[in-house]
Amino acid sequence: MLDHAAVVYGYFPAVSEGDDVILLEEPRPEANEIARIHFPRQQRGKFLCIADFIRSRELAEKTG
């Protein structure tokens, strides 16, 4: 069953805005947006969202 299994992974330049993760064309915060993915927040506990673990566009622009 797993004879043909494969894994593909990579890194994509991304920033966050609110609950959205934005994929960028280039690793610059002002680069063109390729896609925007909205992630829901947890309903209890720390109320985290995947976007909380990606540098915000605002912070990326400040720090370069």
PDB file of N, CA and C in Angstrom:
ATOM      1  N   MET A   1       0.813  -1.190   0.000  1.00  0.00           N
ATOM      2  CA  MET A   1       0.000   0.000   0.000  1.00  0.00           C
ATOM      3  C   MET A   1       0.861   1.262   0.000  1.00  0.00           C
ATOM      4  N   LEU A   2       1.978   1.250   0.690  1.00  0.00           N
ATOM      5  CA  LEU A   2       2.821   2.443   0.779  1.00  0.00           C
ATOM      6  C   LEU A   2       3.980   2.426  -0.221  1.00  0.00           C
ATOM      7  N   ASP A   3       3.973   1.497  -1.156  1.00  0.00           N
ATOM      8  CA  ASP A   3       5.065   1.399  -2.124  1.00  0.00           C
ATOM      9  C   ASP A   3       5.221   2.658  -2.965  1.00  0.00           C
ATOM     10  N   HIS A   4       4.136   3.346  -3.233  1.00  0.00           N
ATOM     11  CA  HIS A   4       4.184   4.524  -4.099  1.00  0.00           C
ATOM     12  C   HIS A   4       4.002   5.816  -3.325  1.00  0.00           C
ATOM     13  N   ALA A   5       4.079   5.760  -2.023  1.00  0.00           N
ATOM     14  CA  ALA A   5       3.896   6.966  -1.209  1.00  0.00           C
ATOM     15  C   ALA A   5       5.102   7.885  -1.363  1.00  0.00           C
ATOM     16  N   ALA A   6       4.830   9.138  -1.377  1.00  0.00           N
ATOM     17  CA  ALA A   6       5.900  10.139  -1.482  1.00  0.00           C
ATOM     18  C   ALA A   6       5.507  11.351  -0.660  1.00  0.00           C
ATOM     19  N   VAL A   7       6.506  12.095  -0.279  1.00  0.00           N
ATOM     20  CA  VAL A   7       6.279  13.318   0.487  1.00  0.00           C
ATOM     21  C   VAL A   7       6.887  14.473  -0.278  1.00  0.00           C
ATOM     22  N   VAL A   8       6.141  15.532  -0.374  1.00  0.00           N
ATOM     23  CA  VAL A   8       6.642  16.748  -1.003  1.00  0.00           C
ATOM     24  C   VAL A   8       6.506  17.858   0.025  1.00  0.00           C
ATOM     25  N   TYR A   9       7.569  18.577   0.244  1.00  0.00           N
ATOM     26  CA  TYR A   9       7.500  19.684   1.177  1.00  0.00           C
ATOM     27  C   TYR A   9       8.349  20.820   0.636  1.00  0.00           C
ATOM     28  N   GLY A  10       8.131  21.964   1.155  1.00  0.00           N
ATOM     29  CA  GLY A  10       8.902  23.114   0.726  1.00  0.00           C
ATOM     30  C   GLY A  10       8.595  24.297   1.622  1.00  0.00           C
ATOM     31  N   TYR A  11       9.261  25.362   1.341  1.00  0.00           N
ATOM     32  CA  TYR A  11       9.057  26.588   2.095  1.00  0.00           C
ATOM     33  C   TYR A  11       8.510  27.638   1.155  1.00  0.00           C
ATOM     34  N   PHE A  12       7.549  28.381   1.621  1.00  0.00           N
ATOM     35  CA  PHE A  12       6.945  29.429   0.826  1.00  0.00           C
ATOM     36  C   PHE A  12       7.039  30.739   1.595  1.00  0.00           C
ATOM     37  N   PRO A  13       7.414  31.824   0.929  1.00  0.00           N
ATOM     38  CA  PRO A  13       7.416  33.111   1.630  1.00  0.00           C
ATOM     39  C   PRO A  13       5.983  33.453   2.008  1.00  0.00           C
ATOM     40  N   ALA A  14       5.787  33.802   3.273  1.00  0.00           N
ATOM     41  CA  ALA A  14       4.438  34.084   3.757  1.00  0.00           C
ATOM     42  C   ALA A  14       4.481  35.108   4.884  1.00  0.00           C
ATOM     43  N   VAL A  15       3.383  35.811   5.041  1.00  0.00           N
ATOM     44  CA  VAL A  15       3.158  36.723   6.158  1.00  0.00           C
ATOM     45  C   VAL A  15       1.727  36.495   6.625  1.00  0.00           C
ATOM     46  N   SER A  16       1.400  37.056   7.775  1.00  0.00           N
ATOM     47  CA  SER A  16       0.029  36.913   8.266  1.00  0.00           C
ATOM     48  C   SER A  16      -0.615  38.285   8.420  1.00  0.00           C
ATOM     49  N   GLU A  17      -1.930  38.291   8.315  1.00  0.00           N
ATOM     50  CA  GLU A  17      -2.759  39.467   8.593  1.00  0.00           C
ATOM     51  C   GLU A  17      -4.005  38.954   9.293  1.00  0.00           C
ATOM     52  N   GLY A  18      -4.142  39.257  10.568  1.00  0.00           N
ATOM     53  CA  GLY A  18      -5.293  38.752  11.321  1.00  0.00           C
ATOM     54  C   GLY A  18      -5.279  37.243  11.353  1.00  0.00           C
ATOM     55  N   ASP A  19      -6.353  36.624  10.871  1.00  0.00           N
ATOM     56  CA  ASP A  19      -6.461  35.161  10.848  1.00  0.00           C
ATOM     57  C   ASP A  19      -6.100  34.590   9.476  1.00  0.00           C
ATOM     58  N   ASP A  20      -5.503  35.409   8.603  1.00  0.00           N
ATOM     59  CA  ASP A  20      -5.139  34.980   7.257  1.00  0.00           C
ATOM     60  C   ASP A  20      -3.633  34.765   7.130  1.00  0.00           C
ATOM     61  N   VAL A  21      -3.256  33.748   6.361  1.00  0.00           N
ATOM     62  CA  VAL A  21      -1.864  33.534   5.964  1.00  0.00           C
ATOM     63  C   VAL A  21      -1.793  33.904   4.488  1.00  0.00           C
ATOM     64  N   ILE A  22      -0.848  34.768   4.143  1.00  0.00           N
ATOM     65  CA  ILE A  22      -0.714  35.256   2.781  1.00  0.00           C
ATOM     66  C   ILE A  22       0.565  34.697   2.180  1.00  0.00           C
ATOM     67  N   LEU A  23       0.439  33.947   1.086  1.00  0.00           N
ATOM     68  CA  LEU A  23       1.601  33.419   0.371  1.00  0.00           C
ATOM     69  C   LEU A  23       2.069  34.478  -0.617  1.00  0.00           C
ATOM     70  N   LEU A  24       3.385  34.700  -0.665  1.00  0.00           N
ATOM     71  CA  LEU A  24       3.959  35.762  -1.484  1.00  0.00           C
ATOM     72  C   LEU A  24       4.770  35.205  -2.641  1.00  0.00           C
ATOM     73  N   GLU A  25       4.901  35.999  -3.713  1.00  0.00           N
ATOM     74  CA  GLU A  25       5.712  35.601  -4.872  1.00  0.00           C
ATOM     75  C   GLU A  25       7.192  35.540  -4.528  1.00  0.00           C
ATOM     76  N   GLU A  26       7.655  36.465  -3.709  1.00  0.00           N
ATOM     77  CA  GLU A  26       9.069  36.570  -3.340  1.00  0.00           C
ATOM     78  C   GLU A  26       9.175  36.726  -1.826  1.00  0.00           C
ATOM     79  N   PRO A  27      10.321  36.437  -1.259  1.00  0.00           N
ATOM     80  CA  PRO A  27      10.487  36.568   0.196  1.00  0.00           C
ATOM     81  C   PRO A  27      10.699  38.018   0.645  1.00  0.00           C
ATOM     82  N   ARG A  28       9.795  38.893   0.245  1.00  0.00           N
ATOM     83  CA  ARG A  28       9.790  40.296   0.683  1.00  0.00           C
ATOM     84  C   ARG A  28       8.374  40.609   1.138  1.00  0.00           C
ATOM     85  N   PRO A  29       8.198  41.299   2.259  1.00  0.00           N
ATOM     86  CA  PRO A  29       6.839  41.545   2.767  1.00  0.00           C
ATOM     87  C   PRO A  29       5.963  42.354   1.819  1.00  0.00           C
ATOM     88  N   GLU A  30       6.561  43.150   0.938  1.00  0.00           N
ATOM     89  CA  GLU A  30       5.767  43.954   0.004  1.00  0.00           C
ATOM     90  C   GLU A  30       5.530  43.246  -1.332  1.00  0.00           C
ATOM     91  N   ALA A  31       5.965  41.998  -1.465  1.00  0.00           N
ATOM     92  CA  ALA A  31       5.806  41.231  -2.717  1.00  0.00           C
ATOM     93  C   ALA A  31       4.330  40.968  -3.011  1.00  0.00           C
ATOM     94  N   ASN A  32       4.054  40.641  -4.262  1.00  0.00           N
ATOM     95  CA  ASN A  32       2.683  40.343  -4.679  1.00  0.00           C
ATOM     96  C   ASN A  32       2.150  39.101  -3.985  1.00  0.00           C
ATOM     97  N   GLU A  33       0.866  39.141  -3.698  1.00  0.00           N
ATOM     98  CA  GLU A  33       0.171  38.046  -3.030  1.00  0.00           C
ATOM     99  C   GLU A  33      -0.195  36.966  -4.046  1.00  0.00           C
ATOM    100  N   ILE A  34       0.151  35.707  -3.741  1.00  0.00           N
ATOM    101  CA  ILE A  34      -0.225  34.580  -4.587  1.00  0.00           C
ATOM    102  C   ILE A  34      -1.568  34.017  -4.121  1.00  0.00           C
ATOM    103  N   ALA A  35      -1.687  33.835  -2.817  1.00  0.00           N
ATOM    104  CA  ALA A  35      -2.910  33.258  -2.259  1.00  0.00           C
ATOM    105  C   ALA A  35      -3.088  33.748  -0.830  1.00  0.00           C
ATOM    106  N   ARG A  36      -4.323  33.757  -0.392  1.00  0.00           N
ATOM    107  CA  ARG A  36      -4.659  34.137   0.979  1.00  0.00           C
ATOM    108  C   ARG A  36      -5.520  33.009   1.541  1.00  0.00           C
ATOM    109  N   ILE A  37      -5.096  32.472   2.688  1.00  0.00           N
ATOM    110  CA  ILE A  37      -5.807  31.350   3.301  1.00  0.00           C
ATOM    111  C   ILE A  37      -6.292  31.781   4.676  1.00  0.00           C
ATOM    112  N   HIS A  38      -7.584  31.665   4.913  1.00  0.00           N
ATOM    113  CA  HIS A  38      -8.166  32.039   6.202  1.00  0.00           C
ATOM    114  C   HIS A  38      -8.211  30.800   7.101  1.00  0.00           C
ATOM    115  N   PHE A  39      -7.753  30.949   8.340  1.00  0.00           N
ATOM    116  CA  PHE A  39      -7.775  29.860   9.307  1.00  0.00           C
ATOM    117  C   PHE A  39      -8.645  30.242  10.492  1.00  0.00           C
ATOM    118  N   PRO A  40      -9.491  29.335  10.961  1.00  0.00           N
ATOM    119  CA  PRO A  40     -10.330  29.644  12.125  1.00  0.00           C
ATOM    120  C   PRO A  40      -9.514  29.610  13.414  1.00  0.00           C
ATOM    121  N   ARG A  41     -10.019  30.265  14.420  1.00  0.00           N
ATOM    122  CA  ARG A  41      -9.402  30.244  15.749  1.00  0.00           C
ATOM    123  C   ARG A  41      -9.959  29.087  16.569  1.00  0.00           C
ATOM    124  N   GLN A  42      -9.170  28.649  17.557  1.00  0.00           N
ATOM    125  CA  GLN A  42      -9.659  27.637  18.484  1.00  0.00           C
ATOM    126  C   GLN A  42     -10.875  28.203  19.212  1.00  0.00           C
ATOM    127  N   GLN A  43     -11.807  27.347  19.537  1.00  0.00           N
ATOM    128  CA  GLN A  43     -13.023  27.782  20.216  1.00  0.00           C
ATOM    129  C   GLN A  43     -12.860  27.848  21.732  1.00  0.00           C
ATOM    130  N   ARG A  44     -11.760  27.313  22.244  1.00  0.00           N
ATOM    131  CA  ARG A  44     -11.513  27.363  23.702  1.00  0.00           C
ATOM    132  C   ARG A  44     -10.007  27.328  23.935  1.00  0.00           C
ATOM    133  N   GLY A  45      -9.614  27.389  25.156  1.00  0.00           N
ATOM    134  CA  GLY A  45      -8.189  27.363  25.491  1.00  0.00           C
ATOM    135  C   GLY A  45      -7.527  28.688  25.199  1.00  0.00           C
ATOM    136  N   LYS A  46      -6.471  28.657  24.419  1.00  0.00           N
ATOM    137  CA  LYS A  46      -5.709  29.879  24.126  1.00  0.00           C
ATOM    138  C   LYS A  46      -6.254  30.639  22.916  1.00  0.00           C
ATOM    139  N   PHE A  47      -7.282  30.110  22.251  1.00  0.00           N
ATOM    140  CA  PHE A  47      -7.909  30.763  21.087  1.00  0.00           C
ATOM    141  C   PHE A  47      -6.883  31.093  20.006  1.00  0.00           C
ATOM    142  N   LEU A  48      -5.989  30.139  19.736  1.00  0.00           N
ATOM    143  CA  LEU A  48      -4.932  30.348  18.757  1.00  0.00           C
ATOM    144  C   LEU A  48      -5.417  30.054  17.341  1.00  0.00           C
ATOM    145  N   CYS A  49      -4.629  30.532  16.385  1.00  0.00           N
ATOM    146  CA  CYS A  49      -4.883  30.344  14.966  1.00  0.00           C
ATOM    147  C   CYS A  49      -3.523  30.069  14.311  1.00  0.00           C
ATOM    148  N   ILE A  50      -3.490  29.323  13.220  1.00  0.00           N
ATOM    149  CA  ILE A  50      -2.221  29.039  12.545  1.00  0.00           C
ATOM    150  C   ILE A  50      -1.509  30.330  12.168  1.00  0.00           C
ATOM    151  N   ALA A  51      -2.258  31.364  11.809  1.00  0.00           N
ATOM    152  CA  ALA A  51      -1.655  32.647  11.434  1.00  0.00           C
ATOM    153  C   ALA A  51      -0.865  33.271  12.585  1.00  0.00           C
ATOM    154  N   ASP A  52      -1.154  32.890  13.826  1.00  0.00           N
ATOM    155  CA  ASP A  52      -0.415  33.420  14.983  1.00  0.00           C
ATOM    156  C   ASP A  52       1.042  32.967  14.983  1.00  0.00           C
ATOM    157  N   PHE A  53       1.374  31.920  14.226  1.00  0.00           N
ATOM    158  CA  PHE A  53       2.721  31.364  14.214  1.00  0.00           C
ATOM    159  C   PHE A  53       3.543  31.831  13.016  1.00  0.00           C
ATOM    160  N   ILE A  54       3.009  32.776  12.250  1.00  0.00           N
ATOM    161  CA  ILE A  54       3.693  33.328  11.078  1.00  0.00           C
ATOM    162  C   ILE A  54       3.853  34.825  11.289  1.00  0.00           C
ATOM    163  N   ARG A  55       5.017  35.338  10.945  1.00  0.00           N
ATOM    164  CA  ARG A  55       5.300  36.757  11.169  1.00  0.00           C
ATOM    165  C   ARG A  55       4.268  37.634  10.461  1.00  0.00           C
ATOM    166  N   SER A  56       3.793  38.635  11.164  1.00  0.00           N
ATOM    167  CA  SER A  56       2.808  39.533  10.567  1.00  0.00           C
ATOM    168  C   SER A  56       3.472  40.395   9.495  1.00  0.00           C
ATOM    169  N   ARG A  57       2.690  40.824   8.530  1.00  0.00           N
ATOM    170  CA  ARG A  57       3.204  41.672   7.457  1.00  0.00           C
ATOM    171  C   ARG A  57       3.773  42.968   8.045  1.00  0.00           C
ATOM    172  N   GLU A  58       3.061  43.521   9.032  1.00  0.00           N
ATOM    173  CA  GLU A  58       3.502  44.767   9.672  1.00  0.00           C
ATOM    174  C   GLU A  58       4.878  44.600  10.315  1.00  0.00           C
ATOM    175  N   LEU A  59       5.079  43.541  11.074  1.00  0.00           N
ATOM    176  CA  LEU A  59       6.381  43.311  11.718  1.00  0.00           C
ATOM    177  C   LEU A  59       7.450  43.014  10.676  1.00  0.00           C
ATOM    178  N   ALA A  60       7.120  42.264   9.635  1.00  0.00           N
ATOM    179  CA  ALA A  60       8.096  41.943   8.580  1.00  0.00           C
ATOM    180  C   ALA A  60       8.547  43.208   7.861  1.00  0.00           C
ATOM    181  N   GLU A  61       7.655  44.155   7.629  1.00  0.00           N
ATOM    182  CA  GLU A  61       8.017  45.405   6.969  1.00  0.00           C
ATOM    183  C   GLU A  61       8.927  46.254   7.853  1.00  0.00           C
ATOM    184  N   LYS A  62       8.702  46.225   9.169  1.00  0.00           N
ATOM    185  CA  LYS A  62       9.519  47.003  10.104  1.00  0.00           C
ATOM    186  C   LYS A  62      10.926  46.437  10.248  1.00  0.00           C
ATOM    187  N   THR A  63      11.021  45.095  10.320  1.00  0.00           N
ATOM    188  CA  THR A  63      12.304  44.459  10.602  1.00  0.00           C
ATOM    189  C   THR A  63      13.061  44.047   9.340  1.00  0.00           C
ATOM    190  N   GLY A  64      12.379  44.008   8.222  1.00  0.00           N
ATOM    191  CA  GLY A  64      13.035  43.686   6.949  1.00  0.00           C
ATOM    192  C   GLY A  64      13.204  42.300   6.698  1.00  0.00           C
TER     193      GLY A  64
END
